[in-house]
N, C-alpha and C. Protein backbone atom coordinates (compact mmCIF):
# COMPACT_ATOMS: atom_id res chain seq x y z
N MET A 1 -8.51 -8.24 15.34
CA MET A 1 -8.55 -6.24 15.55
C MET A 1 -7.73 -5.75 15.08
N TYR A 2 -6.31 -6.24 14.87
CA TYR A 2 -5.15 -5.67 14.65
C TYR A 2 -5.43 -5.35 12.65
N ASN A 3 -5.54 -6.44 12.42
CA ASN A 3 -5.62 -6.66 10.76
C ASN A 3 -6.85 -5.43 10.46
N PHE A 4 -7.83 -5.46 10.84
CA PHE A 4 -8.88 -4.76 10.55
C PHE A 4 -8.38 -3.00 10.57
N LEU A 5 -7.21 -2.55 11.93
CA LEU A 5 -7.03 -1.64 12.00
C LEU A 5 -6.08 -1.47 10.63
N LEU A 6 -5.12 -2.00 9.99
CA LEU A 6 -4.05 -2.00 9.37
C LEU A 6 -4.70 -1.94 7.96
N ILE A 7 -6.03 -2.86 7.74
CA ILE A 7 -6.50 -2.32 6.14
C ILE A 7 -7.02 -1.03 6.04
N ILE A 8 -7.37 -0.42 7.54
CA ILE A 8 -8.11 0.51 7.15
C ILE A 8 -6.85 1.92 7.00
N LEU A 9 -5.54 1.51 7.57
CA LEU A 9 -4.68 1.78 7.15
C LEU A 9 -4.16 2.25 6.19
N ALA A 10 -4.50 0.61 5.44
CA ALA A 10 -3.75 0.59 4.15
C ALA A 10 -4.64 1.59 3.12
N LEU A 11 -5.31 2.12 3.59
CA LEU A 11 -6.52 2.90 2.42
C LEU A 11 -6.09 4.20 2.53
N ILE A 12 -5.66 4.45 3.72
CA ILE A 12 -5.08 6.04 3.89
C ILE A 12 -3.49 5.70 3.30
N ILE A 13 -2.65 5.17 4.17
CA ILE A 13 -0.98 5.47 3.57
C ILE A 13 -0.78 3.64 3.00
N PRO A 14 -1.05 3.17 2.35
CA PRO A 14 -0.50 1.29 2.12
C PRO A 14 0.67 1.36 2.72
N PRO A 15 1.70 2.10 2.11
CA PRO A 15 2.91 1.67 2.30
C PRO A 15 3.71 1.68 4.17
N LEU A 16 3.00 2.69 4.76
CA LEU A 16 2.86 2.17 6.35
C LEU A 16 2.15 1.25 6.50
N ALA A 17 1.50 0.93 6.23
CA ALA A 17 0.50 -0.26 6.69
C ALA A 17 1.35 -1.97 6.49
N VAL A 18 2.03 -1.63 4.86
CA VAL A 18 2.75 -3.33 4.69
C VAL A 18 4.02 -2.99 5.40
N PHE A 19 4.70 -1.71 6.16
CA PHE A 19 5.92 -1.86 7.26
C PHE A 19 5.60 -2.65 8.40
N MET A 20 3.95 -2.08 8.85
CA MET A 20 3.92 -2.67 10.10
C MET A 20 3.51 -3.85 10.39
N LYS A 21 2.89 -4.40 8.92
CA LYS A 21 2.74 -6.28 8.67
C LYS A 21 4.00 -7.12 8.63
N SER A 22 4.65 -6.05 7.81
CA SER A 22 5.82 -7.33 7.15
C SER A 22 7.55 -6.53 7.59
N GLY A 23 7.26 -5.38 7.58
CA GLY A 23 9.03 -5.08 8.23
C GLY A 23 9.73 -4.28 6.91
N LEU A 24 10.81 -4.38 6.90
CA LEU A 24 11.87 -4.00 5.80
C LEU A 24 11.65 -4.95 4.79
N ASN A 25 11.21 -5.05 4.07
CA ASN A 25 10.83 -6.80 2.77
C ASN A 25 11.22 -6.18 1.49
N PHE A 26 10.85 -6.92 0.66
CA PHE A 26 10.69 -6.64 -0.55
C PHE A 26 9.33 -6.23 -0.89
N ASN A 27 8.16 -6.59 0.43
CA ASN A 27 6.79 -6.59 -0.09
C ASN A 27 6.69 -4.76 0.24
N PHE A 28 7.47 -4.02 1.48
CA PHE A 28 7.56 -3.03 1.81
C PHE A 28 8.22 -2.26 0.77
N PHE A 29 9.05 -2.70 -0.41
CA PHE A 29 9.96 -1.55 -1.10
C PHE A 29 9.16 -1.23 -2.44
N PHE A 30 8.75 -2.82 -2.67
CA PHE A 30 7.35 -2.69 -3.98
C PHE A 30 6.13 -1.76 -4.10
N ASN A 31 5.94 -1.94 -2.63
CA ASN A 31 4.62 -0.93 -2.11
C ASN A 31 4.91 0.73 -2.15
N ILE A 32 6.21 0.71 -1.84
CA ILE A 32 6.23 2.03 -2.35
C ILE A 32 6.95 2.49 -3.46
N ALA A 33 7.27 2.01 -4.35
CA ALA A 33 7.54 1.88 -6.05
C ALA A 33 6.08 2.04 -6.54
N ILE A 34 4.77 1.09 -5.94
CA ILE A 34 3.68 1.17 -7.16
C ILE A 34 2.79 2.68 -6.40
N TYR A 35 2.87 3.01 -4.96
CA TYR A 35 2.82 4.67 -4.65
C TYR A 35 2.84 5.76 -4.83
N THR A 36 4.94 5.77 -4.96
CA THR A 36 5.21 6.53 -5.54
C THR A 36 4.78 6.83 -7.18
N VAL A 37 4.96 5.91 -8.13
CA VAL A 37 4.80 5.77 -9.26
C VAL A 37 2.78 6.30 -9.71
N GLY A 38 2.18 5.78 -8.61
CA GLY A 38 0.36 6.48 -8.57
C GLY A 38 0.49 7.73 -8.26
N VAL A 39 1.37 8.35 -7.11
CA VAL A 39 1.35 9.54 -7.23
C VAL A 39 1.81 10.56 -8.01
N LEU A 40 2.61 10.12 -8.21
CA LEU A 40 3.55 10.93 -9.35
C LEU A 40 2.30 11.23 -10.67
N LEU A 41 1.54 10.02 -11.32
CA LEU A 41 0.67 9.99 -12.62
C LEU A 41 -0.76 10.51 -12.15
N SER A 42 -1.02 10.87 -11.06
CA SER A 42 -2.00 11.40 -10.59
C SER A 42 -1.64 13.10 -10.48
N VAL A 43 -0.25 13.42 -10.37
CA VAL A 43 0.00 15.13 -10.16
C VAL A 43 -0.22 15.45 -12.15
N PHE A 44 0.40 14.39 -12.36
CA PHE A 44 0.59 14.60 -14.01
C PHE A 44 -0.26 14.53 -14.97
N THR A 45 -1.03 13.49 -14.51
CA THR A 45 -2.40 13.15 -15.40
C THR A 45 -3.59 13.50 -14.65
N ASP A 46 -4.68 12.84 -15.17
CA ASP A 46 -5.79 12.55 -14.13
C ASP A 46 -5.92 10.87 -13.61
N PHE A 47 -4.70 10.39 -14.23
CA PHE A 47 -4.77 9.06 -13.73
C PHE A 47 -4.68 8.65 -12.45
N SER A 48 -5.75 8.39 -11.55
CA SER A 48 -5.09 8.39 -10.04
C SER A 48 -4.96 6.30 -9.92
N PHE A 49 -5.10 5.48 -10.48
CA PHE A 49 -5.40 4.54 -10.05
C PHE A 49 -3.77 3.71 -9.43
N GLY A 50 -3.07 4.71 -9.53
CA GLY A 50 -1.44 3.46 -9.03
C GLY A 50 -1.88 3.72 -7.45
N ALA A 51 -2.23 4.43 -6.58
CA ALA A 51 -2.34 4.73 -5.34
C ALA A 51 -2.93 3.67 -4.88
N LEU A 52 -4.42 3.30 -5.82
CA LEU A 52 -5.63 2.69 -5.46
C LEU A 52 -4.72 1.11 -5.61
N ILE A 53 -3.97 0.81 -5.99
CA ILE A 53 -3.74 -0.76 -6.80
C ILE A 53 -2.37 -0.39 -5.40
N ALA A 54 -1.68 0.20 -4.92
CA ALA A 54 -0.98 0.15 -3.26
C ALA A 54 -1.72 -0.23 -2.35
N ALA A 55 -2.95 0.12 -2.34
CA ALA A 55 -3.66 0.03 -1.63
C ALA A 55 -4.39 -1.47 -1.82
N PHE A 56 -4.49 -1.96 -2.63
CA PHE A 56 -4.66 -3.28 -2.56
C PHE A 56 -3.79 -4.42 -2.58
N HIS A 57 -2.41 -3.55 -2.85
CA HIS A 57 -1.67 -4.55 -2.73
C HIS A 57 -1.11 -4.90 -0.91
N ALA A 58 -1.51 -3.77 -0.48
CA ALA A 58 -1.16 -3.30 0.74
C ALA A 58 -2.04 -4.29 1.45
N ILE A 59 -3.55 -4.44 1.32
CA ILE A 59 -4.69 -5.02 1.86
C ILE A 59 -4.27 -7.02 1.76
N TRP A 60 -3.61 -7.36 0.55
CA TRP A 60 -3.58 -8.58 0.47
C TRP A 60 -2.20 -9.09 0.77
N ILE A 61 -1.49 -8.11 1.23
CA ILE A 61 -0.09 -8.66 2.22
C ILE A 61 -0.68 -8.44 3.62
N ILE A 62 -1.58 -7.37 4.33
CA ILE A 62 -2.55 -7.69 5.54
C ILE A 62 -3.21 -8.62 5.74
N CYS A 63 -3.61 -9.48 4.42
CA CYS A 63 -4.95 -10.67 4.47
C CYS A 63 -3.75 -12.44 4.08
N THR A 64 -2.78 -12.20 3.82
CA THR A 64 -2.33 -13.33 3.59
C THR A 64 -0.83 -13.47 4.19
N THR A 65 -0.01 -12.34 5.45
CA THR A 65 0.83 -12.99 5.68
C THR A 65 0.25 -12.82 7.01
N ASP A 66 0.82 -13.77 7.80
CA ASP A 66 0.58 -14.12 9.65
C ASP A 66 1.64 -13.92 9.77
C-alpha cells in the first residue's frame, strides 16, 4: 500500500517520492536535476517531457528499491 501511495506522489512531485523512498542519495539529486531541467524546458519551450522522465525515474526507484 505504501508503494502505491508513493507512485501516486511520484506522478505529482517526483523528487519528494524519491526522497521518501531512498533518502538523500544520488537517486534523489539525480531526480531533482531531471525535474529541474524538465520544468525549465517546459517554461522556455513546449517540450515538457523532462518532468515526465523524472516521474518515470521515481517510479523505477520505488519499484526496484527495497
